[in-house]
Amino acid sequence: MNSRKIGVMASINLDSVLTHDLFSKILDSFKSYCEQNGYVLVFINSTEKYLVKHDVVDQVTGQGLDGLLLITGDYDTPDILPVFGAGFPVVTIDCQRDGAVSIMSDNDNGIKTLTEYVINERKHRRLGYISGDADSVVAQARLKNFISTCERLGVEIGREYICESRFRDVRLVARRTEELLNLDVPPTCIFFPDDFAAIGGINVIRNRGLDVPKDISYCGYDGVSLVSLFDPQICTVMQDTEAMGHTAAKQMLRMIENNETGHGEEIVIPTRIQYGHTVSQLH
């Protein structure tokens, strides 16, 4: 008989997940579907100090949990890796691993479609790109597809136009925006790593008295609700957080009820473009 409990491990810093617009919406959708089907969520303590004496697998099995959702974080640490071969259902978000079912936002096509829009539809060819965390699989995939799309469309991006930053780091993105705008030939459009971090870049642009999109254009990623209230409305890639959480829950319950584990399956959730008004039409 099932215990009707599902564990949630939300990276080393739980607070950062619960206050993160994107991940909190995924978790809310996951929670809603699970509760409708008679399951409750139990958070796994993932702080570094606690894990010294409390193995993640032991926490899951010791509490009689039926499965584990890994919603974000580093899946390759010694603390996390054992869960993928422990024999219970595991679902991951935005990171494929053997021994789990992985729910992936379509980062490849998301950034490709956004880049094609900026180049083909809006005619920008001098692009600045501020990347997310260097060790993030998502950030690496987006940067790779941004560069390959530019090359395919005949747009050359110099090294000085690509900056490394971190997701949700408003201050660092502000500094990177300053660097791009201080170039002898600055970009006409800047790609921010995510909508929240874009606030740093937007503030820099406003403080310089630049008109958007007349003097400078920019676009983001994620489609978070906070930045959607800004004027002008940001051009961004909208991730379907509700579908991601709903699909993650369906896969979790399927495995639990069929007594199965994941085998590296990937389920990709489509994205869409919110065109907004922050990318000008060049001629």
C-alpha atoms as a PDB file:
ATOM      1  CA  MET A   1       0.000   0.000   0.000  1.00  0.00           C
ATOM      2  CA  ASN A   2       1.353   3.411  -0.918  1.00  0.00           C
ATOM      3  CA  SER A   3       2.313   5.836   1.825  1.00  0.00           C
ATOM      4  CA  ARG A   4       0.878   8.593  -0.410  1.00  0.00           C
ATOM      5  CA  LYS A   5       3.850  10.891   0.206  1.00  0.00           C
ATOM      6  CA  ILE A   6       6.272  12.345  -2.352  1.00  0.00           C
ATOM      7  CA  GLY A   7       9.579  13.939  -1.421  1.00  0.00           C
ATOM      8  CA  VAL A   8      10.762  17.236  -2.877  1.00  0.00           C
ATOM      9  CA  MET A   9      14.418  18.137  -2.879  1.00  0.00           C
ATOM     10  CA  ALA A  10      14.748  21.747  -3.876  1.00  0.00           C
ATOM     11  CA  SER A  11      18.514  22.241  -4.145  1.00  0.00           C
ATOM     12  CA  ILE A  12      20.882  23.391  -1.416  1.00  0.00           C
ATOM     13  CA  ASN A  13      18.922  26.594  -0.836  1.00  0.00           C
ATOM     14  CA  LEU A  14      15.224  25.895  -0.461  1.00  0.00           C
ATOM     15  CA  ASP A  15      14.380  29.570   0.046  1.00  0.00           C
ATOM     16  CA  SER A  16      15.807  30.482  -3.359  1.00  0.00           C
ATOM     17  CA  VAL A  17      13.466  27.967  -4.994  1.00  0.00           C
ATOM     18  CA  LEU A  18      10.334  29.005  -3.117  1.00  0.00           C
ATOM     19  CA  THR A  19      10.928  32.661  -4.013  1.00  0.00           C
ATOM     20  CA  HIS A  20      11.969  31.922  -7.602  1.00  0.00           C
ATOM     21  CA  ASP A  21       9.075  32.857  -9.874  1.00  0.00           C
ATOM     22  CA  LEU A  22       9.774  30.051 -12.369  1.00  0.00           C
ATOM     23  CA  PHE A  23      10.432  27.150  -9.983  1.00  0.00           C
ATOM     24  CA  SER A  24       7.764  28.141  -7.476  1.00  0.00           C
ATOM     25  CA  LYS A  25       5.141  27.969 -10.244  1.00  0.00           C
ATOM     26  CA  ILE A  26       6.395  24.539 -11.357  1.00  0.00           C
ATOM     27  CA  LEU A  27       6.257  23.334  -7.767  1.00  0.00           C
ATOM     28  CA  ASP A  28       2.776  24.780  -7.245  1.00  0.00           C
ATOM     29  CA  SER A  29       1.456  22.974 -10.334  1.00  0.00           C
ATOM     30  CA  PHE A  30       3.142  19.730  -9.234  1.00  0.00           C
ATOM     31  CA  LYS A  31       1.698  20.056  -5.723  1.00  0.00           C
ATOM     32  CA  SER A  32      -1.817  20.758  -6.994  1.00  0.00           C
ATOM     33  CA  TYR A  33      -1.923  17.647  -9.206  1.00  0.00           C
ATOM     34  CA  CYS A  34      -0.440  15.399  -6.505  1.00  0.00           C
ATOM     35  CA  GLU A  35      -2.871  16.603  -3.861  1.00  0.00           C
ATOM     36  CA  GLN A  36      -5.836  16.107  -6.186  1.00  0.00           C
ATOM     37  CA  ASN A  37      -4.745  12.477  -6.419  1.00  0.00           C
ATOM     38  CA  GLY A  38      -4.343  11.918  -2.687  1.00  0.00           C
ATOM     39  CA  TYR A  39      -0.604  12.573  -2.267  1.00  0.00           C
ATOM     40  CA  VAL A  40       1.127  15.077  -0.010  1.00  0.00           C
ATOM     41  CA  LEU A  41       4.583  16.628  -0.427  1.00  0.00           C
ATOM     42  CA  VAL A  42       7.425  16.279   2.063  1.00  0.00           C
ATOM     43  CA  PHE A  43      10.500  18.478   1.716  1.00  0.00           C
ATOM     44  CA  ILE A  44      13.861  16.725   1.977  1.00  0.00           C
ATOM     45  CA  ASN A  45      16.484  18.568   4.015  1.00  0.00           C
ATOM     46  CA  SER A  46      19.316  19.234   1.571  1.00  0.00           C
ATOM     47  CA  THR A  47      21.506  21.644   3.525  1.00  0.00           C
ATOM     48  CA  GLU A  48      25.195  20.753   3.400  1.00  0.00           C
ATOM     49  CA  LYS A  49      25.495  20.485   7.197  1.00  0.00           C
ATOM     50  CA  TYR A  50      22.495  18.137   7.472  1.00  0.00           C
ATOM     51  CA  LEU A  51      23.668  15.882   4.661  1.00  0.00           C
ATOM     52  CA  VAL A  52      26.907  15.095   6.509  1.00  0.00           C
ATOM     53  CA  LYS A  53      24.924  12.712   8.735  1.00  0.00           C
ATOM     54  CA  HIS A  54      21.700  12.179   6.783  1.00  0.00           C
ATOM     55  CA  ASP A  55      21.925  10.523   3.381  1.00  0.00           C
ATOM     56  CA  VAL A  56      19.295  11.607   0.831  1.00  0.00           C
ATOM     57  CA  VAL A  57      18.357   8.008   0.008  1.00  0.00           C
ATOM     58  CA  ASP A  58      17.968   7.256   3.712  1.00  0.00           C
ATOM     59  CA  GLN A  59      15.704  10.287   4.107  1.00  0.00           C
ATOM     60  CA  VAL A  60      13.451   9.043   1.301  1.00  0.00           C
ATOM     61  CA  THR A  61      13.306   5.412   2.405  1.00  0.00           C
ATOM     62  CA  GLY A  62      13.289   6.236   6.132  1.00  0.00           C
ATOM     63  CA  GLN A  63      10.219   8.449   5.776  1.00  0.00           C
ATOM     64  CA  GLY A  64       8.472   5.918   3.559  1.00  0.00           C
ATOM     65  CA  LEU A  65       8.245   8.274   0.617  1.00  0.00           C
ATOM     66  CA  ASP A  66       6.950   6.909  -2.681  1.00  0.00           C
ATOM     67  CA  GLY A  67       9.143   9.044  -4.956  1.00  0.00           C
ATOM     68  CA  LEU A  68      11.369  12.098  -5.203  1.00  0.00           C
ATOM     69  CA  LEU A  69      11.123  15.308  -7.219  1.00  0.00           C
ATOM     70  CA  LEU A  70      14.430  17.100  -7.818  1.00  0.00           C
ATOM     71  CA  ILE A  71      13.354  20.559  -8.833  1.00  0.00           C
ATOM     72  CA  THR A  72      16.689  22.310  -9.286  1.00  0.00           C
ATOM     73  CA  GLY A  73      20.321  22.231  -8.279  1.00  0.00           C
ATOM     74  CA  ASP A  74      23.494  20.294  -9.001  1.00  0.00           C
ATOM     75  CA  TYR A  75      22.516  16.718  -9.819  1.00  0.00           C
ATOM     76  CA  ASP A  76      26.108  15.474 -10.032  1.00  0.00           C
ATOM     77  CA  THR A  77      27.159  15.864  -6.399  1.00  0.00           C
ATOM     78  CA  PRO A  78      28.005  12.780  -4.297  1.00  0.00           C
ATOM     79  CA  ASP A  79      24.937  13.512  -2.168  1.00  0.00           C
ATOM     80  CA  ILE A  80      22.526  13.431  -5.116  1.00  0.00           C
ATOM     81  CA  LEU A  81      23.901  10.782  -7.490  1.00  0.00           C
ATOM     82  CA  PRO A  82      22.863   7.730  -5.375  1.00  0.00           C
ATOM     83  CA  VAL A  83      19.158   8.579  -5.713  1.00  0.00           C
ATOM     84  CA  PHE A  84      19.206   7.697  -9.426  1.00  0.00           C
ATOM     85  CA  GLY A  85      19.944   4.055  -8.706  1.00  0.00           C
ATOM     86  CA  ALA A  86      18.062   3.627  -5.463  1.00  0.00           C
ATOM     87  CA  GLY A  87      15.043   1.887  -6.987  1.00  0.00           C
ATOM     88  CA  PHE A  88      12.365   4.494  -6.316  1.00  0.00           C
ATOM     89  CA  PRO A  89      10.730   6.917  -8.806  1.00  0.00           C
ATOM     90  CA  VAL A  90      12.693  10.122  -9.437  1.00  0.00           C
ATOM     91  CA  VAL A  91      11.622  13.074 -11.579  1.00  0.00           C
ATOM     92  CA  THR A  92      14.032  15.899 -12.431  1.00  0.00           C
ATOM     93  CA  ILE A  93      13.405  19.359 -13.858  1.00  0.00           C
ATOM     94  CA  ASP A  94      15.532  20.681 -16.747  1.00  0.00           C
ATOM     95  CA  CYS A  95      18.302  18.100 -16.394  1.00  0.00           C
ATOM     96  CA  GLN A  96      18.354  14.617 -17.961  1.00  0.00           C
ATOM     97  CA  ARG A  97      19.700  11.760 -15.867  1.00  0.00           C
ATOM     98  CA  ASP A  98      19.615   7.970 -16.185  1.00  0.00           C
ATOM     99  CA  GLY A  99      17.402   6.514 -13.491  1.00  0.00           C
ATOM    100  CA  ALA A 100      14.893   9.366 -13.691  1.00  0.00           C
ATOM    101  CA  VAL A 101      12.201  10.877 -15.864  1.00  0.00           C
ATOM    102  CA  SER A 102      13.302  14.368 -16.853  1.00  0.00           C
ATOM    103  CA  ILE A 103      10.881  17.209 -17.592  1.00  0.00           C
ATOM    104  CA  MET A 104      12.642  19.642 -19.906  1.00  0.00           C
ATOM    105  CA  SER A 105      11.619  23.085 -21.062  1.00  0.00           C
ATOM    106  CA  ASP A 106      12.416  23.443 -24.763  1.00  0.00           C
ATOM    107  CA  ASN A 107      15.471  25.648 -24.220  1.00  0.00           C
ATOM    108  CA  ASP A 108      16.921  24.779 -27.626  1.00  0.00           C
ATOM    109  CA  ASN A 109      13.974  25.974 -29.679  1.00  0.00           C
ATOM    110  CA  GLY A 110      13.187  28.762 -27.238  1.00  0.00           C
ATOM    111  CA  ILE A 111      16.472  30.592 -27.773  1.00  0.00           C
ATOM    112  CA  LYS A 112      16.573  29.650 -31.483  1.00  0.00           C
ATOM    113  CA  THR A 113      13.146  31.166 -32.111  1.00  0.00           C
ATOM    114  CA  LEU A 114      13.993  34.294 -30.120  1.00  0.00           C
ATOM    115  CA  THR A 115      17.288  34.778 -31.969  1.00  0.00           C
ATOM    116  CA  GLU A 116      15.643  34.219 -35.347  1.00  0.00           C
ATOM    117  CA  TYR A 117      13.007  36.811 -34.484  1.00  0.00           C
ATOM    118  CA  VAL A 118      15.587  39.438 -33.492  1.00  0.00           C
ATOM    119  CA  ILE A 119      17.709  38.833 -36.608  1.00  0.00           C
ATOM    120  CA  ASN A 120      15.184  37.956 -39.310  1.00  0.00           C
ATOM    121  CA  GLU A 121      12.108  39.904 -38.235  1.00  0.00           C
ATOM    122  CA  ARG A 122      13.662  42.909 -36.475  1.00  0.00           C
ATOM    123  CA  LYS A 123      16.873  43.049 -38.569  1.00  0.00           C
ATOM    124  CA  HIS A 124      19.406  43.326 -35.714  1.00  0.00           C
ATOM    125  CA  ARG A 125      22.879  42.024 -36.486  1.00  0.00           C
ATOM    126  CA  ARG A 126      25.006  43.437 -33.665  1.00  0.00           C
ATOM    127  CA  LEU A 127      23.894  41.366 -30.693  1.00  0.00           C
ATOM    128  CA  GLY A 128      25.108  41.276 -27.109  1.00  0.00           C
ATOM    129  CA  TYR A 129      24.545  38.129 -25.059  1.00  0.00           C
ATOM    130  CA  ILE A 130      24.723  37.835 -21.262  1.00  0.00           C
ATOM    131  CA  SER A 131      24.794  34.174 -20.271  1.00  0.00           C
ATOM    132  CA  GLY A 132      23.615  32.430 -17.111  1.00  0.00           C
ATOM    133  CA  ASP A 133      25.730  30.334 -14.723  1.00  0.00           C
ATOM    134  CA  ALA A 134      28.791  28.843 -16.422  1.00  0.00           C
ATOM    135  CA  ASP A 135      28.172  25.403 -14.879  1.00  0.00           C
ATOM    136  CA  SER A 136      24.466  25.341 -15.746  1.00  0.00           C
ATOM    137  CA  VAL A 137      23.401  22.827 -18.396  1.00  0.00           C
ATOM    138  CA  VAL A 138      20.518  25.144 -19.306  1.00  0.00           C
ATOM    139  CA  ALA A 139      22.800  28.173 -19.720  1.00  0.00           C
ATOM    140  CA  GLN A 140      25.251  26.160 -21.825  1.00  0.00           C
ATOM    141  CA  ALA A 141      22.479  24.876 -24.085  1.00  0.00           C
ATOM    142  CA  ARG A 142      21.038  28.340 -24.639  1.00  0.00           C
ATOM    143  CA  LEU A 143      24.418  29.903 -25.405  1.00  0.00           C
ATOM    144  CA  LYS A 144      25.331  27.106 -27.796  1.00  0.00           C
ATOM    145  CA  ASN A 145      22.067  27.469 -29.693  1.00  0.00           C
ATOM    146  CA  PHE A 146      22.298  31.263 -29.723  1.00  0.00           C
ATOM    147  CA  ILE A 147      25.751  31.090 -31.343  1.00  0.00           C
ATOM    148  CA  SER A 148      24.782  28.354 -33.815  1.00  0.00           C
ATOM    149  CA  THR A 149      21.635  30.246 -34.838  1.00  0.00           C
ATOM    150  CA  CYS A 150      23.640  33.431 -35.421  1.00  0.00           C
ATOM    151  CA  GLU A 151      26.158  31.510 -37.533  1.00  0.00           C
ATOM    152  CA  ARG A 152      23.410  29.855 -39.547  1.00  0.00           C
ATOM    153  CA  LEU A 153      21.859  33.243 -40.265  1.00  0.00           C
ATOM    154  CA  GLY A 154      25.184  34.804 -41.240  1.00  0.00           C
ATOM    155  CA  VAL A 155      25.592  37.011 -38.143  1.00  0.00           C
ATOM    156  CA  GLU A 156      29.082  37.102 -36.637  1.00  0.00           C
ATOM    157  CA  ILE A 157      29.270  37.629 -32.874  1.00  0.00           C
ATOM    158  CA  GLY A 158      32.624  38.868 -31.538  1.00  0.00           C
ATOM    159  CA  ARG A 159      33.880  37.566 -28.196  1.00  0.00           C
ATOM    160  CA  GLU A 160      33.475  40.983 -26.609  1.00  0.00           C
ATOM    161  CA  TYR A 161      29.720  40.768 -27.169  1.00  0.00           C
ATOM    162  CA  ILE A 162      29.301  37.594 -25.068  1.00  0.00           C
ATOM    163  CA  CYS A 163      29.458  38.017 -21.273  1.00  0.00           C
ATOM    164  CA  GLU A 164      29.291  35.449 -18.501  1.00  0.00           C
ATOM    165  CA  SER A 165      26.941  36.111 -15.612  1.00  0.00           C
ATOM    166  CA  ARG A 166      24.552  34.208 -13.343  1.00  0.00           C
ATOM    167  CA  PHE A 167      20.823  33.587 -13.411  1.00  0.00           C
ATOM    168  CA  ARG A 168      18.802  35.989 -11.232  1.00  0.00           C
ATOM    169  CA  ASP A 169      21.913  38.045 -10.390  1.00  0.00           C
ATOM    170  CA  VAL A 170      20.634  41.590 -10.876  1.00  0.00           C
ATOM    171  CA  ARG A 171      23.893  43.282  -9.877  1.00  0.00           C
ATOM    172  CA  LEU A 172      26.165  41.195 -12.069  1.00  0.00           C
ATOM    173  CA  VAL A 173      23.880  41.587 -15.078  1.00  0.00           C
ATOM    174  CA  ALA A 174      23.924  45.348 -14.460  1.00  0.00           C
ATOM    175  CA  ARG A 175      27.748  45.298 -14.632  1.00  0.00           C
ATOM    176  CA  ARG A 176      27.719  43.184 -17.782  1.00  0.00           C
ATOM    177  CA  THR A 177      25.216  45.574 -19.367  1.00  0.00           C
ATOM    178  CA  GLU A 178      27.537  48.496 -18.559  1.00  0.00           C
ATOM    179  CA  GLU A 179      30.413  46.636 -20.225  1.00  0.00           C
ATOM    180  CA  LEU A 180      28.406  46.019 -23.391  1.00  0.00           C
ATOM    181  CA  LEU A 181      27.177  49.599 -23.596  1.00  0.00           C
ATOM    182  CA  ASN A 182      30.733  50.901 -23.057  1.00  0.00           C
ATOM    183  CA  LEU A 183      32.082  49.075 -26.112  1.00  0.00           C
ATOM    184  CA  ASP A 184      33.321  51.318 -28.931  1.00  0.00           C
ATOM    185  CA  VAL A 185      30.556  49.799 -31.053  1.00  0.00           C
ATOM    186  CA  PRO A 186      27.873  48.650 -28.614  1.00  0.00           C
ATOM    187  CA  PRO A 187      25.227  46.079 -29.541  1.00  0.00           C
ATOM    188  CA  THR A 188      21.860  47.211 -30.826  1.00  0.00           C
ATOM    189  CA  CYS A 189      20.109  44.418 -28.894  1.00  0.00           C
ATOM    190  CA  ILE A 190      21.080  42.692 -25.631  1.00  0.00           C
ATOM    191  CA  PHE A 191      19.944  39.193 -24.648  1.00  0.00           C
ATOM    192  CA  PHE A 192      19.566  38.926 -20.859  1.00  0.00           C
ATOM    193  CA  PRO A 193      19.945  35.501 -19.140  1.00  0.00           C
ATOM    194  CA  ASP A 194      16.493  35.657 -17.532  1.00  0.00           C
ATOM    195  CA  ASP A 195      13.743  38.171 -16.938  1.00  0.00           C
ATOM    196  CA  PHE A 196      14.491  38.685 -13.241  1.00  0.00           C
ATOM    197  CA  ALA A 197      18.191  39.397 -13.785  1.00  0.00           C
ATOM    198  CA  ALA A 198      17.181  41.672 -16.658  1.00  0.00           C
ATOM    199  CA  ILE A 199      16.024  44.190 -14.041  1.00  0.00           C
ATOM    200  CA  GLY A 200      19.702  45.045 -13.468  1.00  0.00           C
ATOM    201  CA  GLY A 201      20.286  45.720 -17.142  1.00  0.00           C
ATOM    202  CA  ILE A 202      17.031  47.644 -17.503  1.00  0.00           C
ATOM    203  CA  ASN A 203      18.028  49.940 -14.622  1.00  0.00           C
ATOM    204  CA  VAL A 204      21.389  50.657 -16.270  1.00  0.00           C
ATOM    205  CA  ILE A 205      19.665  51.513 -19.540  1.00  0.00           C
ATOM    206  CA  ARG A 206      17.187  53.810 -17.792  1.00  0.00           C
ATOM    207  CA  ASN A 207      19.898  55.532 -15.743  1.00  0.00           C
ATOM    208  CA  ARG A 208      21.720  56.355 -18.971  1.00  0.00           C
ATOM    209  CA  GLY A 209      18.613  58.019 -20.308  1.00  0.00           C
ATOM    210  CA  LEU A 210      18.402  55.626 -23.263  1.00  0.00           C
ATOM    211  CA  ASP A 211      15.084  55.173 -24.980  1.00  0.00           C
ATOM    212  CA  VAL A 212      13.825  51.590 -25.386  1.00  0.00           C
ATOM    213  CA  PRO A 213      13.639  50.396 -28.076  1.00  0.00           C
ATOM    214  CA  LYS A 214      14.739  53.482 -30.070  1.00  0.00           C
ATOM    215  CA  ASP A 215      18.271  53.711 -28.611  1.00  0.00           C
ATOM    216  CA  ILE A 216      18.760  50.138 -27.401  1.00  0.00           C
ATOM    217  CA  SER A 217      16.770  46.897 -27.615  1.00  0.00           C
ATOM    218  CA  TYR A 218      16.748  43.950 -25.239  1.00  0.00           C
ATOM    219  CA  CYS A 219      15.041  40.617 -24.627  1.00  0.00           C
ATOM    220  CA  GLY A 220      14.832  38.150 -21.768  1.00  0.00           C
ATOM    221  CA  TYR A 221      13.903  34.570 -20.945  1.00  0.00           C
ATOM    222  CA  ASP A 222      11.363  32.803 -18.666  1.00  0.00           C
ATOM    223  CA  GLY A 223       8.292  35.046 -18.795  1.00  0.00           C
ATOM    224  CA  VAL A 224       8.175  35.833 -15.064  1.00  0.00           C
ATOM    225  CA  SER A 225       5.184  37.873 -13.887  1.00  0.00           C
ATOM    226  CA  LEU A 226       7.151  40.673 -12.182  1.00  0.00           C
ATOM    227  CA  VAL A 227       8.947  41.893 -15.302  1.00  0.00           C
ATOM    228  CA  SER A 228       5.829  41.469 -17.433  1.00  0.00           C
ATOM    229  CA  LEU A 229       4.450  44.536 -15.622  1.00  0.00           C
ATOM    230  CA  PHE A 230       7.289  46.773 -16.855  1.00  0.00           C
ATOM    231  CA  ASP A 231       6.703  49.335 -19.588  1.00  0.00           C
ATOM    232  CA  PRO A 232       7.561  48.692 -22.348  1.00  0.00           C
ATOM    233  CA  GLN A 233       6.603  45.023 -22.145  1.00  0.00           C
ATOM    234  CA  ILE A 234       9.705  42.824 -22.459  1.00  0.00           C
ATOM    235  CA  CYS A 235      10.305  40.560 -25.431  1.00  0.00           C
ATOM    236  CA  THR A 236      10.932  37.157 -23.885  1.00  0.00           C
ATOM    237  CA  VAL A 237      10.602  33.382 -24.095  1.00  0.00           C
ATOM    238  CA  MET A 238       7.655  32.148 -22.061  1.00  0.00           C
ATOM    239  CA  GLN A 239       8.222  28.832 -20.272  1.00  0.00           C
ATOM    240  CA  ASP A 240       5.081  26.804 -19.577  1.00  0.00           C
ATOM    241  CA  THR A 241       5.591  26.275 -15.853  1.00  0.00           C
ATOM    242  CA  GLU A 242       2.085  24.902 -15.311  1.00  0.00           C
ATOM    243  CA  ALA A 243       2.592  22.200 -17.952  1.00  0.00           C
ATOM    244  CA  MET A 244       6.035  21.360 -16.552  1.00  0.00           C
ATOM    245  CA  GLY A 245       4.714  20.845 -13.016  1.00  0.00           C
ATOM    246  CA  HIS A 246       1.587  19.010 -14.197  1.00  0.00           C
ATOM    247  CA  THR A 247       3.618  16.679 -16.437  1.00  0.00           C
ATOM    248  CA  ALA A 248       6.169  16.021 -13.696  1.00  0.00           C
ATOM    249  CA  ALA A 249       3.371  15.009 -11.320  1.00  0.00           C
ATOM    250  CA  LYS A 250       1.672  12.751 -13.891  1.00  0.00           C
ATOM    251  CA  GLN A 251       4.951  10.948 -14.569  1.00  0.00           C
ATOM    252  CA  MET A 252       5.662  10.584 -10.864  1.00  0.00           C
ATOM    253  CA  LEU A 253       2.247   9.071 -10.120  1.00  0.00           C
ATOM    254  CA  ARG A 254       2.483   6.803 -13.164  1.00  0.00           C
ATOM    255  CA  MET A 255       5.762   5.346 -11.896  1.00  0.00           C
ATOM    256  CA  ILE A 256       4.509   4.999  -8.338  1.00  0.00           C
ATOM    257  CA  GLU A 257       1.278   3.281  -9.283  1.00  0.00           C
ATOM    258  CA  ASN A 258       3.003   0.946 -11.778  1.00  0.00           C
ATOM    259  CA  ASN A 259       5.919   0.241  -9.447  1.00  0.00           C
ATOM    260  CA  GLU A 260       8.406   1.571 -12.021  1.00  0.00           C
ATOM    261  CA  THR A 261      11.493   3.767 -12.058  1.00  0.00           C
ATOM    262  CA  GLY A 262      12.745   6.159 -14.722  1.00  0.00           C
ATOM    263  CA  HIS A 263      15.233   5.151 -17.393  1.00  0.00           C
ATOM    264  CA  GLY A 264      16.489   8.516 -18.626  1.00  0.00           C
ATOM    265  CA  GLU A 265      13.305   9.478 -20.491  1.00  0.00           C
ATOM    266  CA  GLU A 266      12.990  13.142 -21.499  1.00  0.00           C
ATOM    267  CA  ILE A 267       9.689  14.941 -21.910  1.00  0.00           C
ATOM    268  CA  VAL A 268      10.125  18.336 -23.568  1.00  0.00           C
ATOM    269  CA  ILE A 269       7.581  21.084 -22.865  1.00  0.00           C
ATOM    270  CA  PRO A 270       7.224  23.688 -25.665  1.00  0.00           C
ATOM    271  CA  THR A 271       7.928  27.376 -25.114  1.00  0.00           C
ATOM    272  CA  ARG A 272       6.475  30.404 -26.876  1.00  0.00           C
ATOM    273  CA  ILE A 273       7.624  33.943 -27.637  1.00  0.00           C
ATOM    274  CA  GLN A 274       6.097  37.012 -26.029  1.00  0.00           C
ATOM    275  CA  TYR A 275       7.111  39.619 -28.589  1.00  0.00           C
ATOM    276  CA  GLY A 276       6.526  42.639 -26.377  1.00  0.00           C
ATOM    277  CA  HIS A 277       7.872  46.067 -27.318  1.00  0.00           C
ATOM    278  CA  THR A 278      11.569  46.087 -26.369  1.00  0.00           C
ATOM    279  CA  VAL A 279      13.085  45.054 -29.734  1.00  0.00           C
ATOM    280  CA  SER A 280      13.025  47.784 -32.368  1.00  0.00           C
ATOM    281  CA  GLN A 281      12.554  47.303 -36.077  1.00  0.00           C
ATOM    282  CA  LEU A 282      15.785  48.201 -37.882  1.00  0.00           C
ATOM    283  CA  HIS A 283      16.062  48.891 -41.605  1.00  0.00           C
END
